[in-house]
PDB file of N, CA and C in Angstrom:
ATOM      1  N   UNK A   1     196.913 216.255 193.658  1.00  0.00           N
ATOM      2  CA  UNK A   1     195.777 215.582 194.242  1.00  0.00           C
ATOM      3  C   UNK A   1     194.686 216.591 194.625  1.00  0.00           C
ATOM      4  N   UNK A   2     195.091 217.723 195.230  1.00  0.00           N
ATOM      5  CA  UNK A   2     194.104 218.728 195.613  1.00  0.00           C
ATOM      6  C   UNK A   2     193.471 219.362 194.379  1.00  0.00           C
ATOM      7  N   UNK A   3     194.264 219.553 193.333  1.00  0.00           N
ATOM      8  CA  UNK A   3     193.728 220.114 192.098  1.00  0.00           C
ATOM      9  C   UNK A   3     192.646 219.208 191.526  1.00  0.00           C
ATOM     10  N   UNK A   4     192.838 217.922 191.632  1.00  0.00           N
ATOM     11  CA  UNK A   4     191.872 216.964 191.105  1.00  0.00           C
ATOM     12  C   UNK A   4     190.534 217.080 191.828  1.00  0.00           C
ATOM     13  N   UNK A   5     190.589 217.294 193.126  1.00  0.00           N
ATOM     14  CA  UNK A   5     189.367 217.447 193.913  1.00  0.00           C
ATOM     15  C   UNK A   5     188.616 218.709 193.494  1.00  0.00           C
ATOM     16  N   UNK A   6     189.327 219.807 193.367  1.00  0.00           N
ATOM     17  CA  UNK A   6     188.708 221.080 192.990  1.00  0.00           C
ATOM     18  C   UNK A   6     188.132 220.993 191.585  1.00  0.00           C
ATOM     19  N   UNK A   7     188.900 220.415 190.667  1.00  0.00           N
ATOM     20  CA  UNK A   7     188.438 220.278 189.286  1.00  0.00           C
ATOM     21  C   UNK A   7     187.210 219.382 189.215  1.00  0.00           C
ATOM     22  N   UNK A   8     187.198 218.302 189.991  1.00  0.00           N
ATOM     23  CA  UNK A   8     186.059 217.391 190.009  1.00  0.00           C
ATOM     24  C   UNK A   8     184.805 218.059 190.528  1.00  0.00           C
ATOM     25  N   UNK A   9     184.930 218.868 191.581  1.00  0.00           N
ATOM     26  CA  UNK A   9     183.763 219.578 192.118  1.00  0.00           C
ATOM     27  C   UNK A   9     183.217 220.569 191.101  1.00  0.00           C
ATOM     28  N   UNK A  10     184.108 221.262 190.403  1.00  0.00           N
ATOM     29  CA  UNK A  10     183.675 222.235 189.401  1.00  0.00           C
ATOM     30  C   UNK A  10     182.966 221.538 188.247  1.00  0.00           C
ATOM     31  N   UNK A  11     183.523 220.435 187.787  1.00  0.00           N
ATOM     32  CA  UNK A  11     182.910 219.700 186.686  1.00  0.00           C
ATOM     33  C   UNK A  11     181.564 219.112 187.088  1.00  0.00           C
ATOM     34  N   UNK A  12     181.486 218.592 188.312  1.00  0.00           N
ATOM     35  CA  UNK A  12     180.247 217.997 188.780  1.00  0.00           C
ATOM     36  C   UNK A  12     179.156 219.048 188.896  1.00  0.00           C
ATOM     37  N   UNK A  13     179.482 220.198 189.463  1.00  0.00           N
ATOM     38  CA  UNK A  13     178.474 221.249 189.597  1.00  0.00           C
ATOM     39  C   UNK A  13     178.034 221.763 188.231  1.00  0.00           C
ATOM     40  N   UNK A  14     178.949 221.800 187.277  1.00  0.00           N
ATOM     41  CA  UNK A  14     178.597 222.213 185.921  1.00  0.00           C
ATOM     42  C   UNK A  14     177.662 221.190 185.268  1.00  0.00           C
ATOM     43  N   UNK A  15     177.937 219.909 185.466  1.00  0.00           N
ATOM     44  CA  UNK A  15     177.086 218.863 184.917  1.00  0.00           C
ATOM     45  C   UNK A  15     175.686 218.911 185.535  1.00  0.00           C
ATOM     46  N   UNK A  16     175.614 219.119 186.844  1.00  0.00           N
ATOM     47  CA  UNK A  16     174.319 219.190 187.519  1.00  0.00           C
ATOM     48  C   UNK A  16     173.521 220.383 187.003  1.00  0.00           C
ATOM     49  N   UNK A  17     174.175 221.501 186.779  1.00  0.00           N
ATOM     50  CA  UNK A  17     173.492 222.685 186.253  1.00  0.00           C
ATOM     51  C   UNK A  17     172.985 222.432 184.832  1.00  0.00           C
ATOM     52  N   UNK A  18     173.790 221.774 184.019  1.00  0.00           N
ATOM     53  CA  UNK A  18     173.341 221.458 182.656  1.00  0.00           C
ATOM     54  C   UNK A  18     172.161 220.494 182.660  1.00  0.00           C
ATOM     55  N   UNK A  19     172.159 219.547 183.591  1.00  0.00           N
ATOM     56  CA  UNK A  19     171.026 218.621 183.705  1.00  0.00           C
ATOM     57  C   UNK A  19     169.771 219.354 184.145  1.00  0.00           C
ATOM     58  N   UNK A  20     169.913 220.340 185.025  1.00  0.00           N
ATOM     59  CA  UNK A  20     168.762 221.125 185.465  1.00  0.00           C
ATOM     60  C   UNK A  20     168.197 221.933 184.307  1.00  0.00           C
ATOM     61  N   UNK A  21     169.070 222.453 183.461  1.00  0.00           N
ATOM     62  CA  UNK A  21     168.621 223.196 182.285  1.00  0.00           C
ATOM     63  C   UNK A  21     167.877 222.263 181.339  1.00  0.00           C
ATOM     64  N   UNK A  22     168.414 221.070 181.149  1.00  0.00           N
ATOM     65  CA  UNK A  22     167.775 220.100 180.247  1.00  0.00           C
ATOM     66  C   UNK A  22     166.418 219.659 180.777  1.00  0.00           C
ATOM     67  N   UNK A  23     166.265 219.616 182.095  1.00  0.00           N
ATOM     68  CA  UNK A  23     164.988 219.190 182.670  1.00  0.00           C
ATOM     69  C   UNK A  23     163.928 220.271 182.523  1.00  0.00           C
ATOM     70  N   UNK A  24     164.342 221.527 182.427  1.00  0.00           N
ATOM     71  CA  UNK A  24     163.392 222.616 182.237  1.00  0.00           C
ATOM     72  C   UNK A  24     162.916 223.250 183.531  1.00  0.00           C
ATOM     73  N   UNK A  25     163.475 222.871 184.667  1.00  0.00           N
ATOM     74  CA  UNK A  25     163.082 223.424 185.958  1.00  0.00           C
ATOM     75  C   UNK A  25     163.835 224.731 186.185  1.00  0.00           C
ATOM     76  N   UNK A  26     163.099 225.849 186.174  1.00  0.00           N
ATOM     77  CA  UNK A  26     163.729 227.167 186.246  1.00  0.00           C
ATOM     78  C   UNK A  26     164.348 227.422 187.619  1.00  0.00           C
ATOM     79  N   UNK A  27     163.643 227.076 188.692  1.00  0.00           N
ATOM     80  CA  UNK A  27     164.155 227.339 190.037  1.00  0.00           C
ATOM     81  C   UNK A  27     165.428 226.536 190.313  1.00  0.00           C
ATOM     82  N   UNK A  28     165.398 225.274 189.924  1.00  0.00           N
ATOM     83  CA  UNK A  28     166.575 224.421 190.129  1.00  0.00           C
ATOM     84  C   UNK A  28     167.737 224.917 189.274  1.00  0.00           C
ATOM     85  N   UNK A  29     167.429 225.393 188.086  1.00  0.00           N
ATOM     86  CA  UNK A  29     168.466 225.894 187.186  1.00  0.00           C
ATOM     87  C   UNK A  29     169.173 227.088 187.785  1.00  0.00           C
ATOM     88  N   UNK A  30     168.413 228.024 188.358  1.00  0.00           N
ATOM     89  CA  UNK A  30     169.050 229.217 188.919  1.00  0.00           C
ATOM     90  C   UNK A  30     169.967 228.877 190.085  1.00  0.00           C
ATOM     91  N   UNK A  31     169.523 227.996 190.946  1.00  0.00           N
ATOM     92  CA  UNK A  31     170.360 227.663 192.106  1.00  0.00           C
ATOM     93  C   UNK A  31     171.593 226.852 191.707  1.00  0.00           C
ATOM     94  N   UNK A  32     171.420 225.901 190.810  1.00  0.00           N
ATOM     95  CA  UNK A  32     172.561 225.078 190.417  1.00  0.00           C
ATOM     96  C   UNK A  32     173.540 225.862 189.543  1.00  0.00           C
ATOM     97  N   UNK A  33     173.024 226.782 188.732  1.00  0.00           N
ATOM     98  CA  UNK A  33     173.912 227.599 187.906  1.00  0.00           C
ATOM     99  C   UNK A  33     174.767 228.511 188.788  1.00  0.00           C
ATOM    100  N   UNK A  34     174.162 229.060 189.823  1.00  0.00           N
ATOM    101  CA  UNK A  34     174.922 229.909 190.740  1.00  0.00           C
ATOM    102  C   UNK A  34     176.002 229.106 191.458  1.00  0.00           C
ATOM    103  N   UNK A  35     175.671 227.890 191.847  1.00  0.00           N
ATOM    104  CA  UNK A  35     176.654 227.031 192.505  1.00  0.00           C
ATOM    105  C   UNK A  35     177.783 226.660 191.548  1.00  0.00           C
ATOM    106  N   UNK A  36     177.440 226.425 190.292  1.00  0.00           N
ATOM    107  CA  UNK A  36     178.455 226.076 189.297  1.00  0.00           C
ATOM    108  C   UNK A  36     179.406 227.246 189.042  1.00  0.00           C
ATOM    109  N   UNK A  37     178.855 228.445 188.948  1.00  0.00           N
ATOM    110  CA  UNK A  37     179.687 229.633 188.740  1.00  0.00           C
ATOM    111  C   UNK A  37     180.620 229.829 189.923  1.00  0.00           C
ATOM    112  N   UNK A  38     180.105 229.624 191.112  1.00  0.00           N
ATOM    113  CA  UNK A  38     180.925 229.764 192.309  1.00  0.00           C
ATOM    114  C   UNK A  38     182.059 228.751 192.340  1.00  0.00           C
ATOM    115  N   UNK A  39     181.752 227.511 191.999  1.00  0.00           N
ATOM    116  CA  UNK A  39     182.799 226.484 192.030  1.00  0.00           C
ATOM    117  C   UNK A  39     183.846 226.721 190.947  1.00  0.00           C
ATOM    118  N   UNK A  40     183.429 227.256 189.803  1.00  0.00           N
ATOM    119  CA  UNK A  40     184.414 227.572 188.764  1.00  0.00           C
ATOM    120  C   UNK A  40     185.302 228.734 189.189  1.00  0.00           C
ATOM    121  N   UNK A  41     184.721 229.726 189.877  1.00  0.00           N
ATOM    122  CA  UNK A  41     185.525 230.834 190.377  1.00  0.00           C
ATOM    123  C   UNK A  41     186.546 230.352 191.399  1.00  0.00           C
ATOM    124  N   UNK A  42     186.142 229.414 192.246  1.00  0.00           N
ATOM    125  CA  UNK A  42     187.072 228.853 193.220  1.00  0.00           C
ATOM    126  C   UNK A  42     188.202 228.108 192.512  1.00  0.00           C
ATOM    127  N   UNK A  43     187.866 227.401 191.441  1.00  0.00           N
ATOM    128  CA  UNK A  43     188.886 226.669 190.698  1.00  0.00           C
ATOM    129  C   UNK A  43     189.885 227.626 190.061  1.00  0.00           C
ATOM    130  N   UNK A  44     189.406 228.788 189.634  1.00  0.00           N
ATOM    131  CA  UNK A  44     190.308 229.777 189.050  1.00  0.00           C
ATOM    132  C   UNK A  44     191.239 230.346 190.118  1.00  0.00           C
ATOM    133  N   UNK A  45     190.700 230.661 191.285  1.00  0.00           N
ATOM    134  CA  UNK A  45     191.540 231.248 192.327  1.00  0.00           C
ATOM    135  C   UNK A  45     192.575 230.252 192.833  1.00  0.00           C
ATOM    136  N   UNK A  46     192.268 228.969 192.747  1.00  0.00           N
ATOM    137  CA  UNK A  46     193.225 227.952 193.176  1.00  0.00           C
ATOM    138  C   UNK A  46     194.183 227.552 192.055  1.00  0.00           C
ATOM    139  N   UNK A  47     193.972 228.109 190.846  1.00  0.00           N
ATOM    140  CA  UNK A  47     194.885 227.857 189.746  1.00  0.00           C
ATOM    141  C   UNK A  47     194.617 226.573 188.989  1.00  0.00           C
ATOM    142  N   UNK A  48     193.428 226.005 189.149  1.00  0.00           N
ATOM    143  CA  UNK A  48     193.097 224.748 188.472  1.00  0.00           C
ATOM    144  C   UNK A  48     192.586 225.019 187.065  1.00  0.00           C
ATOM    145  N   UNK A  49     191.720 226.031 186.928  1.00  0.00           N
ATOM    146  CA  UNK A  49     191.202 226.439 185.617  1.00  0.00           C
ATOM    147  C   UNK A  49     191.843 227.763 185.247  1.00  0.00           C
ATOM    148  N   UNK A  50     192.062 227.948 183.948  1.00  0.00           N
ATOM    149  CA  UNK A  50     192.491 229.247 183.457  1.00  0.00           C
ATOM    150  C   UNK A  50     191.298 230.179 183.514  1.00  0.00           C
ATOM    151  N   UNK A  51     191.540 231.464 183.754  1.00  0.00           N
ATOM    152  CA  UNK A  51     190.434 232.401 183.931  1.00  0.00           C
ATOM    153  C   UNK A  51     189.574 232.517 182.672  1.00  0.00           C
ATOM    154  N   UNK A  52     190.188 232.403 181.498  1.00  0.00           N
ATOM    155  CA  UNK A  52     189.407 232.495 180.264  1.00  0.00           C
ATOM    156  C   UNK A  52     188.544 231.260 180.056  1.00  0.00           C
ATOM    157  N   UNK A  53     189.030 230.102 180.466  1.00  0.00           N
ATOM    158  CA  UNK A  53     188.228 228.883 180.354  1.00  0.00           C
ATOM    159  C   UNK A  53     187.013 228.986 181.255  1.00  0.00           C
ATOM    160  N   UNK A  54     187.216 229.434 182.471  1.00  0.00           N
ATOM    161  CA  UNK A  54     186.095 229.579 183.398  1.00  0.00           C
ATOM    162  C   UNK A  54     185.109 230.617 182.883  1.00  0.00           C
ATOM    163  N   UNK A  55     185.603 231.700 182.323  1.00  0.00           N
ATOM    164  CA  UNK A  55     184.727 232.738 181.779  1.00  0.00           C
ATOM    165  C   UNK A  55     183.905 232.184 180.621  1.00  0.00           C
ATOM    166  N   UNK A  56     184.533 231.381 179.786  1.00  0.00           N
ATOM    167  CA  UNK A  56     183.822 230.782 178.661  1.00  0.00           C
ATOM    168  C   UNK A  56     182.733 229.841 179.135  1.00  0.00           C
ATOM    169  N   UNK A  57     183.057 228.981 180.097  1.00  0.00           N
ATOM    170  CA  UNK A  57     182.078 228.031 180.608  1.00  0.00           C
ATOM    171  C   UNK A  57     180.923 228.739 181.319  1.00  0.00           C
ATOM    172  N   UNK A  58     181.247 229.771 182.103  1.00  0.00           N
ATOM    173  CA  UNK A  58     180.208 230.517 182.803  1.00  0.00           C
ATOM    174  C   UNK A  58     179.304 231.235 181.815  1.00  0.00           C
ATOM    175  N   UNK A  59     179.892 231.785 180.770  1.00  0.00           N
ATOM    176  CA  UNK A  59     179.113 232.496 179.762  1.00  0.00           C
ATOM    177  C   UNK A  59     178.142 231.563 179.060  1.00  0.00           C
ATOM    178  N   UNK A  60     178.622 230.404 178.671  1.00  0.00           N
ATOM    179  CA  UNK A  60     177.767 229.432 177.998  1.00  0.00           C
ATOM    180  C   UNK A  60     176.646 228.959 178.915  1.00  0.00           C
ATOM    181  N   UNK A  61     176.976 228.729 180.176  1.00  0.00           N
ATOM    182  CA  UNK A  61     175.988 228.251 181.131  1.00  0.00           C
ATOM    183  C   UNK A  61     174.906 229.307 181.382  1.00  0.00           C
ATOM    184  N   UNK A  62     175.312 230.544 181.605  1.00  0.00           N
ATOM    185  CA  UNK A  62     174.328 231.586 181.864  1.00  0.00           C
ATOM    186  C   UNK A  62     173.485 231.877 180.631  1.00  0.00           C
ATOM    187  N   UNK A  63     174.075 231.743 179.456  1.00  0.00           N
ATOM    188  CA  UNK A  63     173.310 231.939 178.231  1.00  0.00           C
ATOM    189  C   UNK A  63     172.195 230.905 178.123  1.00  0.00           C
ATOM    190  N   UNK A  64     172.520 229.655 178.418  1.00  0.00           N
ATOM    191  CA  UNK A  64     171.516 228.589 178.375  1.00  0.00           C
ATOM    192  C   UNK A  64     170.460 228.785 179.458  1.00  0.00           C
ATOM    193  N   UNK A  65     170.884 229.185 180.653  1.00  0.00           N
ATOM    194  CA  UNK A  65     169.949 229.402 181.751  1.00  0.00           C
ATOM    195  C   UNK A  65     169.019 230.567 181.458  1.00  0.00           C
ATOM    196  N   UNK A  66     169.554 231.632 180.882  1.00  0.00           N
ATOM    197  CA  UNK A  66     168.725 232.786 180.540  1.00  0.00           C
ATOM    198  C   UNK A  66     167.724 232.437 179.452  1.00  0.00           C
ATOM    199  N   UNK A  67     168.144 231.623 178.503  1.00  0.00           N
ATOM    200  CA  UNK A  67     167.238 231.214 177.442  1.00  0.00           C
ATOM    201  C   UNK A  67     166.072 230.413 178.032  1.00  0.00           C
ATOM    202  N   UNK A  68     166.361 229.545 178.983  1.00  0.00           N
ATOM    203  CA  UNK A  68     165.322 228.753 179.626  1.00  0.00           C
ATOM    204  C   UNK A  68     164.382 229.637 180.436  1.00  0.00           C
ATOM    205  N   UNK A  69     164.922 230.577 181.197  1.00  0.00           N
ATOM    206  CA  UNK A  69     164.070 231.426 182.031  1.00  0.00           C
ATOM    207  C   UNK A  69     163.229 232.371 181.187  1.00  0.00           C
ATOM    208  N   UNK A  70     163.771 232.872 180.075  1.00  0.00           N
ATOM    209  CA  UNK A  70     162.984 233.754 179.217  1.00  0.00           C
ATOM    210  C   UNK A  70     161.880 232.975 178.493  1.00  0.00           C
ATOM    211  N   UNK A  71     162.169 231.745 178.131  1.00  0.00           N
ATOM    212  CA  UNK A  71     161.146 230.905 177.488  1.00  0.00           C
ATOM    213  C   UNK A  71     160.037 230.573 178.477  1.00  0.00           C
ATOM    214  N   UNK A  72     160.400 230.362 179.739  1.00  0.00           N
ATOM    215  CA  UNK A  72     159.413 230.017 180.748  1.00  0.00           C
ATOM    216  C   UNK A  72     158.562 231.240 181.109  1.00  0.00           C
ATOM    217  N   UNK A  73     159.161 232.419 181.132  1.00  0.00           N
ATOM    218  CA  UNK A  73     158.406 233.629 181.497  1.00  0.00           C
ATOM    219  C   UNK A  73     157.491 234.083 180.364  1.00  0.00           C
ATOM    220  N   UNK A  74     157.869 233.813 179.123  1.00  0.00           N
ATOM    221  CA  UNK A  74     157.020 234.223 177.991  1.00  0.00           C
ATOM    222  C   UNK A  74     155.860 233.267 177.754  1.00  0.00           C
ATOM    223  N   UNK A  75     155.972 232.057 178.294  1.00  0.00           N
ATOM    224  CA  UNK A  75     154.889 231.077 178.091  1.00  0.00           C
ATOM    225  C   UNK A  75     153.748 231.277 179.042  1.00  0.00           C
TER     226      UNK A  75
END
């Protein structure tokens, strides 16, 4: 039951960060991406996510966030 709560928070924060990236708001993206990374790290320490899965998800998320911020700074 506790694992479900932790996993749900991690998934929700990841979804919110992806929505912020899709909206194109750079400030919101940075804050939500940081929160998502933090929640995934917590899920790993509690044994809900495997460390490689969390690393993969964090990598993909930061790659998308960096692409958005670089596109916004070059425009």
